Amino acid sequence: MLDVQGKDGIKRLSGDNRQDTNAEVIEEFFVTGNPSGNTAATKVVVAKSDNKGMVDALGAGLYAGLNNAPVVLATNSLTEDQEDAIDQIVINKTQTTINRVAVGNGIASSVIKYIKDMVK
């Protein structure tokens, strides 16, 4: 476990909306706080960010945790903060092949294409 503590022993990660908070989580656990120092992810998991899709994100979280992969919450688009967070884990990647995993239907093809193009 990472030692992330703030006031009352809890470090709060937040953004302007759920997608920006998602970017903060990716940066905290895959860029800033990765104890191995390796900021590359071998998989990127995408789940819907709308209210109906949050159930998909629960399943995606389990899969991502078992595979040391970030969950990207996106239904129709990525925020600039998410793009920046993904850029950081992709730019620093090792020579490991990136696998893309989408959970559930309803994620815009433009989101999948953007992530796919980033990890080529």
PDB file of N, CA and C in Angstrom:
ATOM      1  N   MET A   1       0.832  -1.187   0.000  1.00  0.00           N
ATOM      2  CA  MET A   1       0.000   0.000   0.000  1.00  0.00           C
ATOM      3  C   MET A   1       0.870   1.241   0.000  1.00  0.00           C
ATOM      4  N   LEU A   2       0.408   2.234  -0.697  1.00  0.00           N
ATOM      5  CA  LEU A   2       1.113   3.506  -0.708  1.00  0.00           C
ATOM      6  C   LEU A   2       0.756   4.299   0.537  1.00  0.00           C
ATOM      7  N   ASP A   3       1.710   5.035   1.035  1.00  0.00           N
ATOM      8  CA  ASP A   3       1.467   5.867   2.202  1.00  0.00           C
ATOM      9  C   ASP A   3       1.061   7.249   1.713  1.00  0.00           C
ATOM     10  N   VAL A   4      -0.236   7.468   1.527  1.00  0.00           N
ATOM     11  CA  VAL A   4      -0.735   8.768   1.087  1.00  0.00           C
ATOM     12  C   VAL A   4      -1.587   9.333   2.210  1.00  0.00           C
ATOM     13  N   GLN A   5      -1.018  10.282   2.930  1.00  0.00           N
ATOM     14  CA  GLN A   5      -1.734  10.820   4.072  1.00  0.00           C
ATOM     15  C   GLN A   5      -1.748  12.337   4.050  1.00  0.00           C
ATOM     16  N   GLY A   6      -2.781  12.880   4.555  1.00  0.00           N
ATOM     17  CA  GLY A   6      -2.925  14.313   4.705  1.00  0.00           C
ATOM     18  C   GLY A   6      -3.565  14.580   6.047  1.00  0.00           C
ATOM     19  N   LYS A   7      -4.461  15.548   6.092  1.00  0.00           N
ATOM     20  CA  LYS A   7      -5.167  15.875   7.326  1.00  0.00           C
ATOM     21  C   LYS A   7      -5.900  14.633   7.834  1.00  0.00           C
ATOM     22  N   ASP A   8      -5.748  14.364   9.100  1.00  0.00           N
ATOM     23  CA  ASP A   8      -6.373  13.201   9.730  1.00  0.00           C
ATOM     24  C   ASP A   8      -5.924  11.883   9.095  1.00  0.00           C
ATOM     25  N   GLY A   9      -4.728  11.866   8.500  1.00  0.00           N
ATOM     26  CA  GLY A   9      -4.208  10.637   7.915  1.00  0.00           C
ATOM     27  C   GLY A   9      -4.816  10.262   6.581  1.00  0.00           C
ATOM     28  N   ILE A  10      -5.592  11.158   5.987  1.00  0.00           N
ATOM     29  CA  ILE A  10      -6.254  10.853   4.720  1.00  0.00           C
ATOM     30  C   ILE A  10      -5.861  11.888   3.676  1.00  0.00           C
ATOM     31  N   LYS A  11      -5.435  11.429   2.522  1.00  0.00           N
ATOM     32  CA  LYS A  11      -5.156  12.339   1.415  1.00  0.00           C
ATOM     33  C   LYS A  11      -6.356  12.300   0.485  1.00  0.00           C
ATOM     34  N   ARG A  12      -6.942  13.452   0.245  1.00  0.00           N
ATOM     35  CA  ARG A  12      -8.130  13.540  -0.593  1.00  0.00           C
ATOM     36  C   ARG A  12      -7.719  13.904  -2.009  1.00  0.00           C
ATOM     37  N   LEU A  13      -8.181  13.125  -2.966  1.00  0.00           N
ATOM     38  CA  LEU A  13      -7.947  13.402  -4.375  1.00  0.00           C
ATOM     39  C   LEU A  13      -9.254  13.892  -4.969  1.00  0.00           C
ATOM     40  N   SER A  14      -9.215  15.040  -5.642  1.00  0.00           N
ATOM     41  CA  SER A  14     -10.453  15.560  -6.213  1.00  0.00           C
ATOM     42  C   SER A  14     -10.154  16.445  -7.406  1.00  0.00           C
ATOM     43  N   GLY A  15     -11.175  16.621  -8.223  1.00  0.00           N
ATOM     44  CA  GLY A  15     -11.099  17.497  -9.380  1.00  0.00           C
ATOM     45  C   GLY A  15     -12.411  18.238  -9.522  1.00  0.00           C
ATOM     46  N   ASP A  16     -12.556  18.986 -10.613  1.00  0.00           N
ATOM     47  CA  ASP A  16     -13.776  19.761 -10.835  1.00  0.00           C
ATOM     48  C   ASP A  16     -14.984  18.871 -11.127  1.00  0.00           C
ATOM     49  N   ASN A  17     -14.741  17.668 -11.639  1.00  0.00           N
ATOM     50  CA  ASN A  17     -15.806  16.721 -11.958  1.00  0.00           C
ATOM     51  C   ASN A  17     -15.235  15.311 -11.838  1.00  0.00           C
ATOM     52  N   ARG A  18     -16.047  14.305 -12.081  1.00  0.00           N
ATOM     53  CA  ARG A  18     -15.562  12.932 -11.858  1.00  0.00           C
ATOM     54  C   ARG A  18     -14.432  12.558 -12.798  1.00  0.00           C
ATOM     55  N   GLN A  19     -14.420  13.115 -14.009  1.00  0.00           N
ATOM     56  CA  GLN A  19     -13.334  12.785 -14.931  1.00  0.00           C
ATOM     57  C   GLN A  19     -12.024  13.448 -14.504  1.00  0.00           C
ATOM     58  N   ASP A  20     -12.077  14.673 -14.016  1.00  0.00           N
ATOM     59  CA  ASP A  20     -10.857  15.319 -13.524  1.00  0.00           C
ATOM     60  C   ASP A  20     -10.364  14.646 -12.239  1.00  0.00           C
ATOM     61  N   THR A  21     -11.293  14.181 -11.401  1.00  0.00           N
ATOM     62  CA  THR A  21     -10.892  13.404 -10.229  1.00  0.00           C
ATOM     63  C   THR A  21     -10.227  12.108 -10.674  1.00  0.00           C
ATOM     64  N   ASN A  22     -10.763  11.501 -11.714  1.00  0.00           N
ATOM     65  CA  ASN A  22     -10.164  10.298 -12.293  1.00  0.00           C
ATOM     66  C   ASN A  22      -8.724  10.566 -12.723  1.00  0.00           C
ATOM     67  N   ALA A  23      -8.483  11.711 -13.339  1.00  0.00           N
ATOM     68  CA  ALA A  23      -7.123  12.078 -13.754  1.00  0.00           C
ATOM     69  C   ALA A  23      -6.207  12.212 -12.541  1.00  0.00           C
ATOM     70  N   GLU A  24      -6.719  12.793 -11.456  1.00  0.00           N
ATOM     71  CA  GLU A  24      -5.929  12.933 -10.224  1.00  0.00           C
ATOM     72  C   GLU A  24      -5.539  11.561  -9.669  1.00  0.00           C
ATOM     73  N   VAL A  25      -6.466  10.626  -9.712  1.00  0.00           N
ATOM     74  CA  VAL A  25      -6.187   9.271  -9.217  1.00  0.00           C
ATOM     75  C   VAL A  25      -5.118   8.602 -10.080  1.00  0.00           C
ATOM     76  N   ILE A  26      -5.232   8.729 -11.397  1.00  0.00           N
ATOM     77  CA  ILE A  26      -4.222   8.155 -12.299  1.00  0.00           C
ATOM     78  C   ILE A  26      -2.858   8.756 -12.003  1.00  0.00           C
ATOM     79  N   GLU A  27      -2.803  10.071 -11.855  1.00  0.00           N
ATOM     80  CA  GLU A  27      -1.522  10.724 -11.575  1.00  0.00           C
ATOM     81  C   GLU A  27      -0.959  10.287 -10.221  1.00  0.00           C
ATOM     82  N   GLU A  28      -1.810  10.153  -9.222  1.00  0.00           N
ATOM     83  CA  GLU A  28      -1.344   9.772  -7.884  1.00  0.00           C
ATOM     84  C   GLU A  28      -0.767   8.362  -7.852  1.00  0.00           C
ATOM     85  N   PHE A  29      -1.434   7.432  -8.488  1.00  0.00           N
ATOM     86  CA  PHE A  29      -1.026   6.036  -8.351  1.00  0.00           C
ATOM     87  C   PHE A  29      -0.168   5.508  -9.494  1.00  0.00           C
ATOM     88  N   PHE A  30      -0.138   6.206 -10.622  1.00  0.00           N
ATOM     89  CA  PHE A  30       0.670   5.718 -11.740  1.00  0.00           C
ATOM     90  C   PHE A  30       1.798   6.655 -12.117  1.00  0.00           C
ATOM     91  N   VAL A  31       1.774   7.879 -11.649  1.00  0.00           N
ATOM     92  CA  VAL A  31       2.835   8.823 -11.992  1.00  0.00           C
ATOM     93  C   VAL A  31       3.608   9.213 -10.745  1.00  0.00           C
ATOM     94  N   THR A  32       2.939   9.811  -9.768  1.00  0.00           N
ATOM     95  CA  THR A  32       3.590  10.354  -8.580  1.00  0.00           C
ATOM     96  C   THR A  32       3.969   9.290  -7.566  1.00  0.00           C
ATOM     97  N   GLY A  33       3.022   8.449  -7.207  1.00  0.00           N
ATOM     98  CA  GLY A  33       3.218   7.582  -6.059  1.00  0.00           C
ATOM     99  C   GLY A  33       3.554   6.144  -6.348  1.00  0.00           C
ATOM    100  N   ASN A  34       3.876   5.809  -7.577  1.00  0.00           N
ATOM    101  CA  ASN A  34       4.178   4.420  -7.897  1.00  0.00           C
ATOM    102  C   ASN A  34       5.466   4.008  -7.201  1.00  0.00           C
ATOM    103  N   PRO A  35       5.403   3.112  -6.228  1.00  0.00           N
ATOM    104  CA  PRO A  35       6.592   2.769  -5.453  1.00  0.00           C
ATOM    105  C   PRO A  35       7.692   2.116  -6.275  1.00  0.00           C
ATOM    106  N   SER A  36       7.350   1.490  -7.398  1.00  0.00           N
ATOM    107  CA  SER A  36       8.374   0.845  -8.215  1.00  0.00           C
ATOM    108  C   SER A  36       9.144   1.856  -9.049  1.00  0.00           C
ATOM    109  N   GLY A  37       8.601   3.074  -9.168  1.00  0.00           N
ATOM    110  CA  GLY A  37       9.239   4.089 -10.002  1.00  0.00           C
ATOM    111  C   GLY A  37       8.930   3.916 -11.476  1.00  0.00           C
ATOM    112  N   ASN A  38       8.233   2.838 -11.829  1.00  0.00           N
ATOM    113  CA  ASN A  38       7.863   2.593 -13.218  1.00  0.00           C
ATOM    114  C   ASN A  38       6.477   3.181 -13.444  1.00  0.00           C
ATOM    115  N   THR A  39       6.393   4.246 -14.219  1.00  0.00           N
ATOM    116  CA  THR A  39       5.110   4.910 -14.417  1.00  0.00           C
ATOM    117  C   THR A  39       4.332   4.333 -15.586  1.00  0.00           C
ATOM    118  N   ALA A  40       4.872   3.334 -16.235  1.00  0.00           N
ATOM    119  CA  ALA A  40       4.173   2.748 -17.370  1.00  0.00           C
ATOM    120  C   ALA A  40       3.095   1.780 -16.901  1.00  0.00           C
ATOM    121  N   ALA A  41       1.982   1.797 -17.594  1.00  0.00           N
ATOM    122  CA  ALA A  41       0.925   0.824 -17.349  1.00  0.00           C
ATOM    123  C   ALA A  41       0.950  -0.168 -18.499  1.00  0.00           C
ATOM    124  N   THR A  42       0.725  -1.434 -18.207  1.00  0.00           N
ATOM    125  CA  THR A  42       0.701  -2.429 -19.272  1.00  0.00           C
ATOM    126  C   THR A  42      -0.680  -2.583 -19.872  1.00  0.00           C
ATOM    127  N   LYS A  43      -1.691  -2.063 -19.184  1.00  0.00           N
ATOM    128  CA  LYS A  43      -3.060  -2.088 -19.689  1.00  0.00           C
ATOM    129  C   LYS A  43      -3.726  -0.773 -19.323  1.00  0.00           C
ATOM    130  N   VAL A  44      -4.686  -0.374 -20.122  1.00  0.00           N
ATOM    131  CA  VAL A  44      -5.515   0.793 -19.830  1.00  0.00           C
ATOM    132  C   VAL A  44      -6.960   0.317 -19.897  1.00  0.00           C
ATOM    133  N   VAL A  45      -7.710   0.485 -18.816  1.00  0.00           N
ATOM    134  CA  VAL A  45      -9.097   0.051 -18.745  1.00  0.00           C
ATOM    135  C   VAL A  45      -9.983   1.280 -18.895  1.00  0.00           C
ATOM    136  N   VAL A  46     -10.996   1.193 -19.761  1.00  0.00           N
ATOM    137  CA  VAL A  46     -11.909   2.310 -19.984  1.00  0.00           C
ATOM    138  C   VAL A  46     -13.305   1.888 -19.549  1.00  0.00           C
ATOM    139  N   ALA A  47     -13.941   2.714 -18.724  1.00  0.00           N
ATOM    140  CA  ALA A  47     -15.314   2.465 -18.282  1.00  0.00           C
ATOM    141  C   ALA A  47     -16.117   3.750 -18.447  1.00  0.00           C
ATOM    142  N   LYS A  48     -17.424   3.591 -18.604  1.00  0.00           N
ATOM    143  CA  LYS A  48     -18.290   4.760 -18.783  1.00  0.00           C
ATOM    144  C   LYS A  48     -18.266   5.651 -17.548  1.00  0.00           C
ATOM    145  N   SER A  49     -18.390   6.953 -17.787  1.00  0.00           N
ATOM    146  CA  SER A  49     -18.359   7.907 -16.679  1.00  0.00           C
ATOM    147  C   SER A  49     -19.736   8.449 -16.320  1.00  0.00           C
ATOM    148  N   ASP A  50     -20.771   8.066 -17.080  1.00  0.00           N
ATOM    149  CA  ASP A  50     -22.096   8.584 -16.753  1.00  0.00           C
ATOM    150  C   ASP A  50     -22.680   7.816 -15.569  1.00  0.00           C
ATOM    151  N   ASN A  51     -23.777   8.309 -15.023  1.00  0.00           N
ATOM    152  CA  ASN A  51     -24.358   7.691 -13.824  1.00  0.00           C
ATOM    153  C   ASN A  51     -24.753   6.236 -14.044  1.00  0.00           C
ATOM    154  N   LYS A  52     -25.282   5.912 -15.216  1.00  0.00           N
ATOM    155  CA  LYS A  52     -25.688   4.534 -15.494  1.00  0.00           C
ATOM    156  C   LYS A  52     -24.480   3.622 -15.659  1.00  0.00           C
ATOM    157  N   GLY A  53     -23.356   4.177 -16.076  1.00  0.00           N
ATOM    158  CA  GLY A  53     -22.169   3.373 -16.334  1.00  0.00           C
ATOM    159  C   GLY A  53     -21.283   3.155 -15.133  1.00  0.00           C
ATOM    160  N   MET A  54     -21.607   3.769 -14.017  1.00  0.00           N
ATOM    161  CA  MET A  54     -20.734   3.631 -12.854  1.00  0.00           C
ATOM    162  C   MET A  54     -20.677   2.187 -12.355  1.00  0.00           C
ATOM    163  N   VAL A  55     -21.710   1.406 -12.628  1.00  0.00           N
ATOM    164  CA  VAL A  55     -21.671  -0.010 -12.267  1.00  0.00           C
ATOM    165  C   VAL A  55     -20.561  -0.699 -13.054  1.00  0.00           C
ATOM    166  N   ASP A  56     -20.397  -0.349 -14.329  1.00  0.00           N
ATOM    167  CA  ASP A  56     -19.312  -0.905 -15.137  1.00  0.00           C
ATOM    168  C   ASP A  56     -17.959  -0.549 -14.536  1.00  0.00           C
ATOM    169  N   ALA A  57     -17.850   0.656 -13.993  1.00  0.00           N
ATOM    170  CA  ALA A  57     -16.583   1.098 -13.410  1.00  0.00           C
ATOM    171  C   ALA A  57     -16.213   0.261 -12.182  1.00  0.00           C
ATOM    172  N   LEU A  58     -17.211  -0.241 -11.459  1.00  0.00           N
ATOM    173  CA  LEU A  58     -16.921  -1.109 -10.311  1.00  0.00           C
ATOM    174  C   LEU A  58     -16.229  -2.391 -10.766  1.00  0.00           C
ATOM    175  N   GLY A  59     -16.760  -3.005 -11.805  1.00  0.00           N
ATOM    176  CA  GLY A  59     -16.128  -4.205 -12.355  1.00  0.00           C
ATOM    177  C   GLY A  59     -14.779  -3.897 -12.967  1.00  0.00           C
ATOM    178  N   ALA A  60     -14.691  -2.758 -13.615  1.00  0.00           N
ATOM    179  CA  ALA A  60     -13.428  -2.347 -14.229  1.00  0.00           C
ATOM    180  C   ALA A  60     -12.359  -2.146 -13.165  1.00  0.00           C
ATOM    181  N   GLY A  61     -12.761  -1.623 -12.009  1.00  0.00           N
ATOM    182  CA  GLY A  61     -11.806  -1.381 -10.929  1.00  0.00           C
ATOM    183  C   GLY A  61     -11.161  -2.660 -10.430  1.00  0.00           C
ATOM    184  N   LEU A  62     -11.950  -3.716 -10.302  1.00  0.00           N
ATOM    185  CA  LEU A  62     -11.408  -5.001  -9.868  1.00  0.00           C
ATOM    186  C   LEU A  62     -10.414  -5.528 -10.898  1.00  0.00           C
ATOM    187  N   TYR A  63     -10.809  -5.505 -12.159  1.00  0.00           N
ATOM    188  CA  TYR A  63      -9.924  -5.974 -13.235  1.00  0.00           C
ATOM    189  C   TYR A  63      -8.645  -5.144 -13.269  1.00  0.00           C
ATOM    190  N   ALA A  64      -8.803  -3.829 -13.172  1.00  0.00           N
ATOM    191  CA  ALA A  64      -7.641  -2.931 -13.220  1.00  0.00           C
ATOM    192  C   ALA A  64      -6.701  -3.187 -12.047  1.00  0.00           C
ATOM    193  N   GLY A  65      -7.262  -3.364 -10.859  1.00  0.00           N
ATOM    194  CA  GLY A  65      -6.434  -3.617  -9.689  1.00  0.00           C
ATOM    195  C   GLY A  65      -5.614  -4.887  -9.817  1.00  0.00           C
ATOM    196  N   LEU A  66      -6.214  -5.908 -10.367  1.00  0.00           N
ATOM    197  CA  LEU A  66      -5.505  -7.178 -10.553  1.00  0.00           C
ATOM    198  C   LEU A  66      -4.440  -7.095 -11.636  1.00  0.00           C
ATOM    199  N   ASN A  67      -4.561  -6.097 -12.523  1.00  0.00           N
ATOM    200  CA  ASN A  67      -3.642  -5.974 -13.654  1.00  0.00           C
ATOM    201  C   ASN A  67      -2.772  -4.723 -13.592  1.00  0.00           C
ATOM    202  N   ASN A  68      -2.744  -4.053 -12.441  1.00  0.00           N
ATOM    203  CA  ASN A  68      -1.952  -2.830 -12.273  1.00  0.00           C
ATOM    204  C   ASN A  68      -2.210  -1.835 -13.407  1.00  0.00           C
ATOM    205  N   ALA A  69      -3.480  -1.607 -13.672  1.00  0.00           N
ATOM    206  CA  ALA A  69      -3.882  -0.749 -14.786  1.00  0.00           C
ATOM    207  C   ALA A  69      -4.746   0.404 -14.285  1.00  0.00           C
ATOM    208  N   PRO A  70      -4.618   1.568 -14.898  1.00  0.00           N
ATOM    209  CA  PRO A  70      -5.516   2.665 -14.538  1.00  0.00           C
ATOM    210  C   PRO A  70      -6.889   2.460 -15.163  1.00  0.00           C
ATOM    211  N   VAL A  71      -7.922   2.941 -14.475  1.00  0.00           N
ATOM    212  CA  VAL A  71      -9.265   2.986 -15.043  1.00  0.00           C
ATOM    213  C   VAL A  71      -9.477   4.403 -15.547  1.00  0.00           C
ATOM    214  N   VAL A  72      -9.827   4.538 -16.805  1.00  0.00           N
ATOM    215  CA  VAL A  72     -10.142   5.841 -17.384  1.00  0.00           C
ATOM    216  C   VAL A  72     -11.661   5.920 -17.492  1.00  0.00           C
ATOM    217  N   LEU A  73     -12.264   6.895 -16.813  1.00  0.00           N
ATOM    218  CA  LEU A  73     -13.709   7.093 -16.868  1.00  0.00           C
ATOM    219  C   LEU A  73     -14.036   8.045 -18.005  1.00  0.00           C
ATOM    220  N   ALA A  74     -14.701   7.537 -19.022  1.00  0.00           N
ATOM    221  CA  ALA A  74     -15.036   8.385 -20.168  1.00  0.00           C
ATOM    222  C   ALA A  74     -16.206   7.774 -20.914  1.00  0.00           C
ATOM    223  N   THR A  75     -17.216   8.564 -21.182  1.00  0.00           N
ATOM    224  CA  THR A  75     -18.338   8.100 -21.988  1.00  0.00           C
ATOM    225  C   THR A  75     -18.254   8.701 -23.381  1.00  0.00           C
ATOM    226  N   ASN A  76     -18.288  10.028 -23.466  1.00  0.00           N
ATOM    227  CA  ASN A  76     -18.267  10.689 -24.768  1.00  0.00           C
ATOM    228  C   ASN A  76     -16.946  11.358 -25.108  1.00  0.00           C
ATOM    229  N   SER A  77     -16.158  11.684 -24.099  1.00  0.00           N
ATOM    230  CA  SER A  77     -14.889  12.375 -24.359  1.00  0.00           C
ATOM    231  C   SER A  77     -13.994  12.279 -23.131  1.00  0.00           C
ATOM    232  N   LEU A  78     -12.735  12.638 -23.335  1.00  0.00           N
ATOM    233  CA  LEU A  78     -11.773  12.738 -22.245  1.00  0.00           C
ATOM    234  C   LEU A  78     -11.585  14.207 -21.910  1.00  0.00           C
ATOM    235  N   THR A  79     -11.319  14.517 -20.648  1.00  0.00           N
ATOM    236  CA  THR A  79     -10.984  15.893 -20.299  1.00  0.00           C
ATOM    237  C   THR A  79      -9.498  16.111 -20.576  1.00  0.00           C
ATOM    238  N   GLU A  80      -9.101  17.350 -20.609  1.00  0.00           N
ATOM    239  CA  GLU A  80      -7.688  17.672 -20.817  1.00  0.00           C
ATOM    240  C   GLU A  80      -6.828  17.070 -19.702  1.00  0.00           C
ATOM    241  N   ASP A  81      -7.337  17.095 -18.471  1.00  0.00           N
ATOM    242  CA  ASP A  81      -6.599  16.504 -17.351  1.00  0.00           C
ATOM    243  C   ASP A  81      -6.402  15.000 -17.547  1.00  0.00           C
ATOM    244  N   GLN A  82      -7.427  14.312 -18.054  1.00  0.00           N
ATOM    245  CA  GLN A  82      -7.287  12.884 -18.322  1.00  0.00           C
ATOM    246  C   GLN A  82      -6.259  12.633 -19.424  1.00  0.00           C
ATOM    247  N   GLU A  83      -6.324  13.422 -20.484  1.00  0.00           N
ATOM    248  CA  GLU A  83      -5.356  13.271 -21.571  1.00  0.00           C
ATOM    249  C   GLU A  83      -3.939  13.451 -21.049  1.00  0.00           C
ATOM    250  N   ASP A  84      -3.735  14.464 -20.208  1.00  0.00           N
ATOM    251  CA  ASP A  84      -2.402  14.711 -19.636  1.00  0.00           C
ATOM    252  C   ASP A  84      -1.945  13.534 -18.772  1.00  0.00           C
ATOM    253  N   ALA A  85      -2.849  12.995 -17.955  1.00  0.00           N
ATOM    254  CA  ALA A  85      -2.490  11.868 -17.088  1.00  0.00           C
ATOM    255  C   ALA A  85      -2.125  10.642 -17.918  1.00  0.00           C
ATOM    256  N   ILE A  86      -2.898  10.368 -18.957  1.00  0.00           N
ATOM    257  CA  ILE A  86      -2.602   9.225 -19.822  1.00  0.00           C
ATOM    258  C   ILE A  86      -1.289   9.448 -20.551  1.00  0.00           C
ATOM    259  N   ASP A  87      -1.066  10.672 -21.024  1.00  0.00           N
ATOM    260  CA  ASP A  87       0.209  10.999 -21.684  1.00  0.00           C
ATOM    261  C   ASP A  87       1.392  10.661 -20.788  1.00  0.00           C
ATOM    262  N   GLN A  88       1.279  10.959 -19.511  1.00  0.00           N
ATOM    263  CA  GLN A  88       2.393  10.733 -18.587  1.00  0.00           C
ATOM    264  C   GLN A  88       2.708   9.256 -18.410  1.00  0.00           C
ATOM    265  N   ILE A  89       1.704   8.412 -18.372  1.00  0.00           N
ATOM    266  CA  ILE A  89       2.001   6.990 -18.197  1.00  0.00           C
ATOM    267  C   ILE A  89       2.397   6.335 -19.505  1.00  0.00           C
ATOM    268  N   VAL A  90       2.015   6.941 -20.627  1.00  0.00           N
ATOM    269  CA  VAL A  90       2.385   6.381 -21.925  1.00  0.00           C
ATOM    270  C   VAL A  90       3.761   6.858 -22.351  1.00  0.00           C
ATOM    271  N   ILE A  91       4.073   8.134 -22.148  1.00  0.00           N
ATOM    272  CA  ILE A  91       5.377   8.673 -22.536  1.00  0.00           C
ATOM    273  C   ILE A  91       6.492   7.933 -21.819  1.00  0.00           C
ATOM    274  N   ASN A  92       6.274   7.573 -20.575  1.00  0.00           N
ATOM    275  CA  ASN A  92       7.298   6.916 -19.775  1.00  0.00           C
ATOM    276  C   ASN A  92       7.223   5.395 -19.833  1.00  0.00           C
ATOM    277  N   LYS A  93       6.471   4.856 -20.767  1.00  0.00           N
ATOM    278  CA  LYS A  93       6.281   3.410 -20.778  1.00  0.00           C
ATOM    279  C   LYS A  93       7.563   2.660 -21.118  1.00  0.00           C
ATOM    280  N   THR A  94       7.644   1.445 -20.626  1.00  0.00           N
ATOM    281  CA  THR A  94       8.735   0.563 -21.001  1.00  0.00           C
ATOM    282  C   THR A  94       8.370  -0.033 -22.354  1.00  0.00           C
ATOM    283  N   GLN A  95       9.054  -1.029 -22.782  1.00  0.00           N
ATOM    284  CA  GLN A  95       8.755  -1.628 -24.080  1.00  0.00           C
ATOM    285  C   GLN A  95       7.629  -2.651 -23.997  1.00  0.00           C
ATOM    286  N   THR A  96       6.868  -2.587 -22.927  1.00  0.00           N
ATOM    287  CA  THR A  96       5.736  -3.490 -22.752  1.00  0.00           C
ATOM    288  C   THR A  96       4.612  -3.086 -23.684  1.00  0.00           C
ATOM    289  N   THR A  97       3.961  -4.072 -24.284  1.00  0.00           N
ATOM    290  CA  THR A  97       2.821  -3.804 -25.152  1.00  0.00           C
ATOM    291  C   THR A  97       1.640  -3.359 -24.304  1.00  0.00           C
ATOM    292  N   ILE A  98       0.944  -2.335 -24.753  1.00  0.00           N
ATOM    293  CA  ILE A  98      -0.237  -1.846 -24.045  1.00  0.00           C
ATOM    294  C   ILE A  98      -1.464  -2.576 -24.577  1.00  0.00           C
ATOM    295  N   ASN A  99      -2.256  -3.125 -23.687  1.00  0.00           N
ATOM    296  CA  ASN A  99      -3.528  -3.737 -24.047  1.00  0.00           C
ATOM    297  C   ASN A  99      -4.631  -2.789 -23.620  1.00  0.00           C
ATOM    298  N   ARG A 100      -5.610  -2.595 -24.469  1.00  0.00           N
ATOM    299  CA  ARG A 100      -6.734  -1.725 -24.151  1.00  0.00           C
ATOM    300  C   ARG A 100      -7.946  -2.592 -23.822  1.00  0.00           C
ATOM    301  N   VAL A 101      -8.606  -2.296 -22.731  1.00  0.00           N
ATOM    302  CA  VAL A 101      -9.757  -3.074 -22.300  1.00  0.00           C
ATOM    303  C   VAL A 101     -10.901  -2.109 -22.047  1.00  0.00           C
ATOM    304  N   ALA A 102     -12.037  -2.325 -22.703  1.00  0.00           N
ATOM    305  CA  ALA A 102     -13.223  -1.501 -22.476  1.00  0.00           C
ATOM    306  C   ALA A 102     -14.254  -2.347 -21.736  1.00  0.00           C
ATOM    307  N   VAL A 103     -14.860  -1.791 -20.711  1.00  0.00           N
ATOM    308  CA  VAL A 103     -15.874  -2.495 -19.935  1.00  0.00           C
ATOM    309  C   VAL A 103     -17.229  -1.889 -20.265  1.00  0.00           C
ATOM    310  N   GLY A 104     -18.164  -2.705 -20.708  1.00  0.00           N
ATOM    311  CA  GLY A 104     -19.501  -2.232 -21.028  1.00  0.00           C
ATOM    312  C   GLY A 104     -19.578  -1.573 -22.393  1.00  0.00           C
ATOM    313  N   ASN A 105     -20.802  -1.374 -22.846  1.00  0.00           N
ATOM    314  CA  ASN A 105     -21.040  -0.682 -24.113  1.00  0.00           C
ATOM    315  C   ASN A 105     -21.352   0.771 -23.828  1.00  0.00           C
ATOM    316  N   GLY A 106     -21.272   1.602 -24.853  1.00  0.00           N
ATOM    317  CA  GLY A 106     -21.663   2.988 -24.702  1.00  0.00           C
ATOM    318  C   GLY A 106     -20.519   3.966 -24.592  1.00  0.00           C
ATOM    319  N   ILE A 107     -19.293   3.488 -24.667  1.00  0.00           N
ATOM    320  CA  ILE A 107     -18.150   4.398 -24.661  1.00  0.00           C
ATOM    321  C   ILE A 107     -17.937   4.863 -26.092  1.00  0.00           C
ATOM    322  N   ALA A 108     -17.828   6.159 -26.287  1.00  0.00           N
ATOM    323  CA  ALA A 108     -17.684   6.713 -27.633  1.00  0.00           C
ATOM    324  C   ALA A 108     -16.461   6.131 -28.327  1.00  0.00           C
ATOM    325  N   SER A 109     -16.625   5.793 -29.601  1.00  0.00           N
ATOM    326  CA  SER A 109     -15.507   5.234 -30.365  1.00  0.00           C
ATOM    327  C   SER A 109     -14.356   6.227 -30.444  1.00  0.00           C
ATOM    328  N   SER A 110     -14.656   7.526 -30.372  1.00  0.00           N
ATOM    329  CA  SER A 110     -13.587   8.533 -30.419  1.00  0.00           C
ATOM    330  C   SER A 110     -12.690   8.441 -29.182  1.00  0.00           C
ATOM    331  N   VAL A 111     -13.266   8.075 -28.032  1.00  0.00           N
ATOM    332  CA  VAL A 111     -12.472   7.908 -26.808  1.00  0.00           C
ATOM    333  C   VAL A 111     -11.547   6.707 -26.959  1.00  0.00           C
ATOM    334  N   ILE A 112     -12.098   5.583 -27.409  1.00  0.00           N
ATOM    335  CA  ILE A 112     -11.289   4.379 -27.606  1.00  0.00           C
ATOM    336  C   ILE A 112     -10.199   4.651 -28.631  1.00  0.00           C
ATOM    337  N   LYS A 113     -10.531   5.333 -29.729  1.00  0.00           N
ATOM    338  CA  LYS A 113      -9.542   5.640 -30.767  1.00  0.00           C
ATOM    339  C   LYS A 113      -8.440   6.539 -30.215  1.00  0.00           C
ATOM    340  N   TYR A 114      -8.814   7.541 -29.428  1.00  0.00           N
ATOM    341  CA  TYR A 114      -7.819   8.454 -28.861  1.00  0.00           C
ATOM    342  C   TYR A 114      -6.818   7.692 -27.998  1.00  0.00           C
ATOM    343  N   ILE A 115      -7.326   6.849 -27.116  1.00  0.00           N
ATOM    344  CA  ILE A 115      -6.437   6.080 -26.240  1.00  0.00           C
ATOM    345  C   ILE A 115      -5.614   5.098 -27.064  1.00  0.00           C
ATOM    346  N   LYS A 116      -6.240   4.460 -28.025  1.00  0.00           N
ATOM    347  CA  LYS A 116      -5.519   3.515 -28.888  1.00  0.00           C
ATOM    348  C   LYS A 116      -4.381   4.221 -29.610  1.00  0.00           C
ATOM    349  N   ASP A 117      -4.639   5.405 -30.144  1.00  0.00           N
ATOM    350  CA  ASP A 117      -3.604   6.162 -30.860  1.00  0.00           C
ATOM    351  C   ASP A 117      -2.482   6.606 -29.926  1.00  0.00           C
ATOM    352  N   MET A 118      -2.817   6.883 -28.671  1.00  0.00           N
ATOM    353  CA  MET A 118      -1.804   7.333 -27.712  1.00  0.00           C
ATOM    354  C   MET A 118      -0.823   6.234 -27.350  1.00  0.00           C
ATOM    355  N   VAL A 119      -1.280   5.001 -27.360  1.00  0.00           N
ATOM    356  CA  VAL A 119      -0.436   3.918 -26.875  1.00  0.00           C
ATOM    357  C   VAL A 119       0.209   3.097 -27.981  1.00  0.00           C
ATOM    358  N   LYS A 120       0.141   3.585 -29.191  1.00  0.00           N
ATOM    359  CA  LYS A 120       0.800   2.869 -30.293  1.00  0.00           C
ATOM    360  C   LYS A 120       2.285   2.945 -30.144  1.00  0.00           C
TER     361      LYS A 120
END
